[in-house]
C-alpha atoms as a PDB file:
ATOM      1  CA  MET A   1      -9.442   7.137  -3.754  1.00  0.00           C
ATOM      2  CA  PHE A   2      -9.264  10.876  -4.418  1.00  0.00           C
ATOM      3  CA  LYS A   3     -12.367  11.185  -6.629  1.00  0.00           C
ATOM      4  CA  LYS A   4     -13.916  13.837  -4.427  1.00  0.00           C
ATOM      5  CA  ASP A   5     -12.226  16.964  -3.143  1.00  0.00           C
ATOM      6  CA  VAL A   6      -9.977  16.156  -0.209  1.00  0.00           C
ATOM      7  CA  SER A   7     -10.020  18.267   2.915  1.00  0.00           C
ATOM      8  CA  PRO A   8      -6.760  18.286   4.865  1.00  0.00           C
ATOM      9  CA  GLY A   9      -6.916  17.040   8.422  1.00  0.00           C
ATOM     10  CA  ALA A  10      -4.357  17.161  11.189  1.00  0.00           C
ATOM     11  CA  LYS A  11      -0.984  18.544  10.185  1.00  0.00           C
ATOM     12  CA  SER A  12       2.208  17.662  12.041  1.00  0.00           C
ATOM     13  CA  LYS A  13       5.953  18.041  11.622  1.00  0.00           C
ATOM     14  CA  VAL A  14       7.867  14.934  10.600  1.00  0.00           C
ATOM     15  CA  LYS A  15      10.773  14.083  12.904  1.00  0.00           C
ATOM     16  CA  SER A  16      14.203  14.221  11.272  1.00  0.00           C
ATOM     17  CA  SER A  17      14.722  10.482  11.848  1.00  0.00           C
ATOM     18  CA  ALA A  18      11.398   9.701  10.174  1.00  0.00           C
ATOM     19  CA  GLN A  19      12.278  12.117   7.376  1.00  0.00           C
ATOM     20  CA  ARG A  20      15.540  10.216   6.753  1.00  0.00           C
ATOM     21  CA  ALA A  21      13.576   6.946   6.692  1.00  0.00           C
ATOM     22  CA  ILE A  22      11.097   8.372   4.161  1.00  0.00           C
ATOM     23  CA  ARG A  23      13.955   9.611   2.004  1.00  0.00           C
ATOM     24  CA  ALA A  24      15.618   6.169   2.138  1.00  0.00           C
ATOM     25  CA  LYS A  25      12.332   4.437   1.285  1.00  0.00           C
ATOM     26  CA  VAL A  26      11.786   6.755  -1.706  1.00  0.00           C
ATOM     27  CA  LEU A  27      15.298   6.020  -2.979  1.00  0.00           C
ATOM     28  CA  GLU A  28      14.793   2.278  -2.479  1.00  0.00           C
ATOM     29  CA  THR A  29      11.482   2.286  -4.366  1.00  0.00           C
ATOM     30  CA  TYR A  30      12.532   4.757  -7.090  1.00  0.00           C
ATOM     31  CA  PRO A  31      16.325   4.394  -7.531  1.00  0.00           C
ATOM     32  CA  LEU A  32      16.365   6.607 -10.637  1.00  0.00           C
ATOM     33  CA  LEU A  33      15.332   9.572  -8.453  1.00  0.00           C
ATOM     34  CA  ALA A  34      18.714   9.510  -6.652  1.00  0.00           C
ATOM     35  CA  PRO A  35      20.270  12.446  -8.594  1.00  0.00           C
ATOM     36  CA  TYR A  36      17.187  14.587  -7.894  1.00  0.00           C
ATOM     37  CA  ILE A  37      16.373  13.602  -4.304  1.00  0.00           C
ATOM     38  CA  ASP A  38      17.936  16.768  -2.844  1.00  0.00           C
ATOM     39  CA  ASP A  39      15.645  18.862  -5.059  1.00  0.00           C
ATOM     40  CA  ILE A  40      12.556  16.872  -4.045  1.00  0.00           C
ATOM     41  CA  LEU A  41      13.317  16.231  -0.360  1.00  0.00           C
ATOM     42  CA  PRO A  42      16.054  18.638   0.806  1.00  0.00           C
ATOM     43  CA  LYS A  43      17.770  17.442   3.983  1.00  0.00           C
ATOM     44  CA  LYS A  44      17.565  20.799   5.768  1.00  0.00           C
ATOM     45  CA  GLU A  45      13.869  21.473   5.038  1.00  0.00           C
ATOM     46  CA  GLN A  46      11.006  20.529   7.367  1.00  0.00           C
ATOM     47  CA  LEU A  47       8.622  17.930   5.960  1.00  0.00           C
ATOM     48  CA  ASP A  48       4.987  18.048   7.102  1.00  0.00           C
ATOM     49  CA  LEU A  49       2.579  15.142   7.447  1.00  0.00           C
ATOM     50  CA  VAL A  50      -1.061  15.880   6.629  1.00  0.00           C
ATOM     51  CA  LYS A  51      -3.754  13.312   7.310  1.00  0.00           C
ATOM     52  CA  VAL A  52      -6.570  13.147   4.766  1.00  0.00           C
ATOM     53  CA  PRO A  53      -9.663  10.894   4.672  1.00  0.00           C
ATOM     54  CA  ASP A  54      -9.465   7.152   3.897  1.00  0.00           C
ATOM     55  CA  ARG A  55      -6.325   6.728   6.033  1.00  0.00           C
ATOM     56  CA  VAL A  56      -4.047   8.489   3.586  1.00  0.00           C
ATOM     57  CA  SER A  57      -0.957  10.397   4.695  1.00  0.00           C
ATOM     58  CA  VAL A  58       0.321  13.225   2.517  1.00  0.00           C
ATOM     59  CA  TYR A  59       3.900  14.432   2.953  1.00  0.00           C
ATOM     60  CA  SER A  60       4.344  18.064   1.984  1.00  0.00           C
ATOM     61  CA  LEU A  61       7.080  20.658   1.845  1.00  0.00           C
ATOM     62  CA  ASN A  62       6.260  24.364   2.076  1.00  0.00           C
ATOM     63  CA  GLY A  63       2.581  23.667   1.418  1.00  0.00           C
ATOM     64  CA  GLN A  64       3.238  21.552  -1.720  1.00  0.00           C
ATOM     65  CA  PRO A  65       2.211  17.881  -1.591  1.00  0.00           C
ATOM     66  CA  LEU A  66       5.174  15.681  -2.570  1.00  0.00           C
ATOM     67  CA  LEU A  67       4.309  12.118  -1.584  1.00  0.00           C
ATOM     68  CA  TRP A  68       1.320  10.150  -0.365  1.00  0.00           C
ATOM     69  CA  GLN A  69       0.794   6.800   1.290  1.00  0.00           C
ATOM     70  CA  HIS A  70      -2.323   4.774   1.995  1.00  0.00           C
ATOM     71  CA  MET A  71      -1.928   3.085   5.385  1.00  0.00           C
ATOM     72  CA  ASP A  72       1.277   0.987   5.128  1.00  0.00           C
ATOM     73  CA  ASP A  73       1.332   0.712   1.326  1.00  0.00           C
ATOM     74  CA  LYS A  74       4.205   2.008  -0.766  1.00  0.00           C
ATOM     75  CA  ILE A  75       5.040   5.706  -0.695  1.00  0.00           C
ATOM     76  CA  ILE A  76       3.881   7.162  -4.002  1.00  0.00           C
ATOM     77  CA  PRO A  77       4.987  10.500  -5.418  1.00  0.00           C
ATOM     78  CA  HIS A  78       2.481  13.216  -6.231  1.00  0.00           C
ATOM     79  CA  LEU A  79       1.665  13.346  -9.945  1.00  0.00           C
ATOM     80  CA  LYS A  80       3.403  16.729 -10.280  1.00  0.00           C
ATOM     81  CA  ILE A  81       6.683  15.069  -9.199  1.00  0.00           C
ATOM     82  CA  VAL A  82       6.097  12.319 -11.777  1.00  0.00           C
ATOM     83  CA  GLN A  83       5.506  14.917 -14.471  1.00  0.00           C
ATOM     84  CA  GLN A  84       8.664  16.777 -13.465  1.00  0.00           C
ATOM     85  CA  TYR A  85      10.873  13.631 -13.540  1.00  0.00           C
ATOM     86  CA  PRO A  86       9.043  11.217 -15.907  1.00  0.00           C
ATOM     87  CA  TRP A  87      12.142   9.190 -16.811  1.00  0.00           C
ATOM     88  CA  CYS A  88      12.533   8.059 -13.166  1.00  0.00           C
ATOM     89  CA  PHE A  89       9.414   5.867 -13.072  1.00  0.00           C
ATOM     90  CA  GLN A  90       8.192   2.641 -14.647  1.00  0.00           C
ATOM     91  CA  ARG A  91       5.633   3.503 -17.332  1.00  0.00           C
ATOM     92  CA  VAL A  92       2.675   2.118 -19.193  1.00  0.00           C
ATOM     93  CA  ARG A  93       0.491   3.844 -21.780  1.00  0.00           C
ATOM     94  CA  ILE A  94      -3.274   3.797 -22.236  1.00  0.00           C
ATOM     95  CA  ASP A  95      -5.054   4.285 -25.522  1.00  0.00           C
ATOM     96  CA  ARG A  96      -6.957   7.452 -26.381  1.00  0.00           C
ATOM     97  CA  GLY A  97     -10.312   5.904 -25.487  1.00  0.00           C
ATOM     98  CA  GLY A  98      -9.301   5.210 -21.893  1.00  0.00           C
ATOM     99  CA  VAL A  99      -8.113   8.717 -21.053  1.00  0.00           C
ATOM    100  CA  ARG A 100     -11.523  10.192 -20.281  1.00  0.00           C
ATOM    101  CA  PHE A 101     -12.352   7.296 -17.956  1.00  0.00           C
ATOM    102  CA  VAL A 102      -9.084   7.611 -16.046  1.00  0.00           C
ATOM    103  CA  LEU A 103      -9.523  11.373 -15.681  1.00  0.00           C
ATOM    104  CA  SER A 104     -13.031  10.875 -14.309  1.00  0.00           C
ATOM    105  CA  GLY A 105     -11.755   8.560 -11.582  1.00  0.00           C
ATOM    106  CA  ALA A 106     -12.608   5.174 -13.059  1.00  0.00           C
ATOM    107  CA  THR A 107     -10.492   2.124 -12.377  1.00  0.00           C
ATOM    108  CA  LEU A 108      -7.899   1.586 -15.113  1.00  0.00           C
ATOM    109  CA  MET A 109      -8.812  -1.617 -16.920  1.00  0.00           C
ATOM    110  CA  VAL A 110      -6.429  -3.900 -18.818  1.00  0.00           C
ATOM    111  CA  PRO A 111      -8.031  -3.429 -22.288  1.00  0.00           C
ATOM    112  CA  GLY A 112      -6.908   0.215 -22.263  1.00  0.00           C
ATOM    113  CA  LEU A 113      -3.307  -0.991 -21.968  1.00  0.00           C
ATOM    114  CA  THR A 114      -3.419  -3.989 -24.312  1.00  0.00           C
ATOM    115  CA  SER A 115      -5.271  -2.351 -27.219  1.00  0.00           C
ATOM    116  CA  ALA A 116      -3.546  -0.873 -30.285  1.00  0.00           C
ATOM    117  CA  GLY A 117      -2.789   2.504 -28.643  1.00  0.00           C
ATOM    118  CA  GLY A 118      -1.674   1.047 -25.310  1.00  0.00           C
ATOM    119  CA  ARG A 119       1.880   0.075 -24.411  1.00  0.00           C
ATOM    120  CA  LEU A 120       3.215  -2.368 -21.850  1.00  0.00           C
ATOM    121  CA  PRO A 121       6.831  -3.257 -21.083  1.00  0.00           C
ATOM    122  CA  GLY A 122       8.157  -5.996 -23.314  1.00  0.00           C
ATOM    123  CA  ASP A 123       5.947  -5.083 -26.307  1.00  0.00           C
ATOM    124  CA  GLU A 124       7.943  -5.272 -29.533  1.00  0.00           C
ATOM    125  CA  ASP A 125       6.743  -1.819 -30.561  1.00  0.00           C
ATOM    126  CA  ALA A 126       6.872  -0.297 -27.056  1.00  0.00           C
ATOM    127  CA  GLY A 127       9.876   1.887 -27.775  1.00  0.00           C
ATOM    128  CA  PRO A 128      12.599   2.728 -25.274  1.00  0.00           C
ATOM    129  CA  GLU A 129      10.396   4.821 -22.977  1.00  0.00           C
ATOM    130  CA  TYR A 130       7.940   1.950 -22.364  1.00  0.00           C
ATOM    131  CA  GLY A 131      10.407  -0.891 -22.732  1.00  0.00           C
ATOM    132  CA  ASN A 132      11.615  -0.924 -19.108  1.00  0.00           C
ATOM    133  CA  ASP A 133      14.659  -2.732 -20.527  1.00  0.00           C
ATOM    134  CA  GLY A 134      12.406  -5.612 -21.638  1.00  0.00           C
ATOM    135  CA  LYS A 135      11.525  -6.431 -18.004  1.00  0.00           C
ATOM    136  CA  GLU A 136       7.925  -7.329 -17.231  1.00  0.00           C
ATOM    137  CA  LEU A 137       6.356  -5.481 -14.301  1.00  0.00           C
ATOM    138  CA  GLU A 138       4.939  -7.398 -11.356  1.00  0.00           C
ATOM    139  CA  ALA A 139       1.738  -6.827  -9.401  1.00  0.00           C
ATOM    140  CA  GLY A 140       2.368  -4.327  -6.599  1.00  0.00           C
ATOM    141  CA  GLU A 141       4.812  -2.143  -8.554  1.00  0.00           C
ATOM    142  CA  VAL A 142       4.195   1.597  -8.836  1.00  0.00           C
ATOM    143  CA  VAL A 143       3.741   2.814 -12.422  1.00  0.00           C
ATOM    144  CA  ALA A 144       3.140   6.127 -14.127  1.00  0.00           C
ATOM    145  CA  VAL A 145       0.335   5.975 -16.676  1.00  0.00           C
ATOM    146  CA  HIS A 146       0.823   8.037 -19.814  1.00  0.00           C
ATOM    147  CA  ALA A 147      -1.869   8.618 -22.413  1.00  0.00           C
ATOM    148  CA  GLU A 148      -1.539   8.043 -26.129  1.00  0.00           C
ATOM    149  CA  GLY A 149      -0.660  11.329 -27.813  1.00  0.00           C
ATOM    150  CA  LYS A 150       0.010  13.222 -24.556  1.00  0.00           C
ATOM    151  CA  GLU A 151       3.332  14.365 -23.133  1.00  0.00           C
ATOM    152  CA  HIS A 152       2.771  14.081 -19.373  1.00  0.00           C
ATOM    153  CA  ALA A 153       1.594  11.257 -17.131  1.00  0.00           C
ATOM    154  CA  CYS A 154      -2.098  11.399 -16.280  1.00  0.00           C
ATOM    155  CA  MET A 155      -2.091   8.896 -13.397  1.00  0.00           C
ATOM    156  CA  ILE A 156       0.146   7.051 -10.965  1.00  0.00           C
ATOM    157  CA  GLY A 157      -0.796   3.972  -9.013  1.00  0.00           C
ATOM    158  CA  ILE A 158       0.011   0.398  -8.034  1.00  0.00           C
ATOM    159  CA  LEU A 159      -0.458  -2.447 -10.507  1.00  0.00           C
ATOM    160  CA  LYS A 160      -3.079  -5.008  -9.488  1.00  0.00           C
ATOM    161  CA  MET A 161      -1.691  -7.630 -11.874  1.00  0.00           C
ATOM    162  CA  GLY A 162       1.616  -8.147 -13.628  1.00  0.00           C
ATOM    163  CA  THR A 163       2.101  -7.040 -17.230  1.00  0.00           C
ATOM    164  CA  LYS A 164       2.704 -10.609 -18.432  1.00  0.00           C
ATOM    165  CA  GLU A 165      -0.674 -11.650 -16.991  1.00  0.00           C
ATOM    166  CA  MET A 166      -2.307  -8.583 -18.609  1.00  0.00           C
ATOM    167  CA  LYS A 167      -1.016  -9.616 -22.030  1.00  0.00           C
ATOM    168  CA  GLU A 168      -2.347 -13.161 -21.560  1.00  0.00           C
ATOM    169  CA  LYS A 169      -5.793 -12.369 -20.095  1.00  0.00           C
ATOM    170  CA  LYS A 170      -6.467  -9.021 -21.826  1.00  0.00           C
ATOM    171  CA  LYS A 171      -9.133  -8.212 -19.217  1.00  0.00           C
ATOM    172  CA  GLY A 172      -9.473  -7.263 -15.577  1.00  0.00           C
ATOM    173  CA  VAL A 173      -8.365  -4.423 -13.321  1.00  0.00           C
ATOM    174  CA  ALA A 174      -4.919  -2.948 -14.008  1.00  0.00           C
ATOM    175  CA  ILE A 175      -4.837  -0.117 -11.419  1.00  0.00           C
ATOM    176  CA  GLU A 176      -7.434   1.006  -8.911  1.00  0.00           C
ATOM    177  CA  ASN A 177      -7.252   3.829  -6.397  1.00  0.00           C
ATOM    178  CA  GLY A 178      -4.563   5.712  -8.269  1.00  0.00           C
ATOM    179  CA  HIS A 179      -3.860   9.439  -8.175  1.00  0.00           C
ATOM    180  CA  TYR A 180      -4.816  11.172 -11.425  1.00  0.00           C
ATOM    181  CA  ALA A 181      -4.711  14.693 -12.846  1.00  0.00           C
ATOM    182  CA  GLY A 182      -7.623  16.763 -11.561  1.00  0.00           C
ATOM    183  CA  ASP A 183      -8.532  14.570  -8.577  1.00  0.00           C
ATOM    184  CA  GLY A 184      -8.846  15.682  -4.944  1.00  0.00           C
ATOM    185  CA  LEU A 185      -5.135  15.237  -4.197  1.00  0.00           C
ATOM    186  CA  TRP A 186      -4.221  17.235  -7.322  1.00  0.00           C
ATOM    187  CA  LYS A 187      -6.406  20.131  -6.085  1.00  0.00           C
ATOM    188  CA  LEU A 188      -5.381  19.824  -2.416  1.00  0.00           C
ATOM    189  CA  ASP A 189      -4.443  23.221  -0.990  1.00  0.00           C
ATOM    190  CA  LEU A 190      -2.143  23.043   2.029  1.00  0.00           C
ATOM    191  CA  SER A 191      -1.213  26.720   2.284  1.00  0.00           C
END
């Protein structure tokens, strides 16, 4: 979605009532962000809405992109927010071989998650950070994608199939149209 550089379009102020609704939606979708929500979306600050191509809305504060939303899909945090608060998001891990494809804008495929270096929730050897308390993730959930051997998330997006189905099929599309490090949204300058 953000493979090419993104040029910001119309910029408008978000009404305080809409800002409260966005804040509530973020807390509903990402409940673990509750202790940090005042740092991310302060109540007294003015949120801006910037339209970018492909019907994507970017919510920014003081020229820094914070959240984005494609049409009426879920509100997804900018990757820099995910990297700042990694423990607040559901996670999966791709193997070393898949990293270069993800960072070049390719669709994240299931084999990168089910191979030896990949981790999905519920795996015996997933560890606490990828365990998600043993709960399988469903299609449509927002996940942060970490890379084997790296500290920070390299992508965030919406799962196209559930993790249980991924383990059974071991092929197909896991995430498409995600936001990854180095893409157009990452480089977007709103100042």
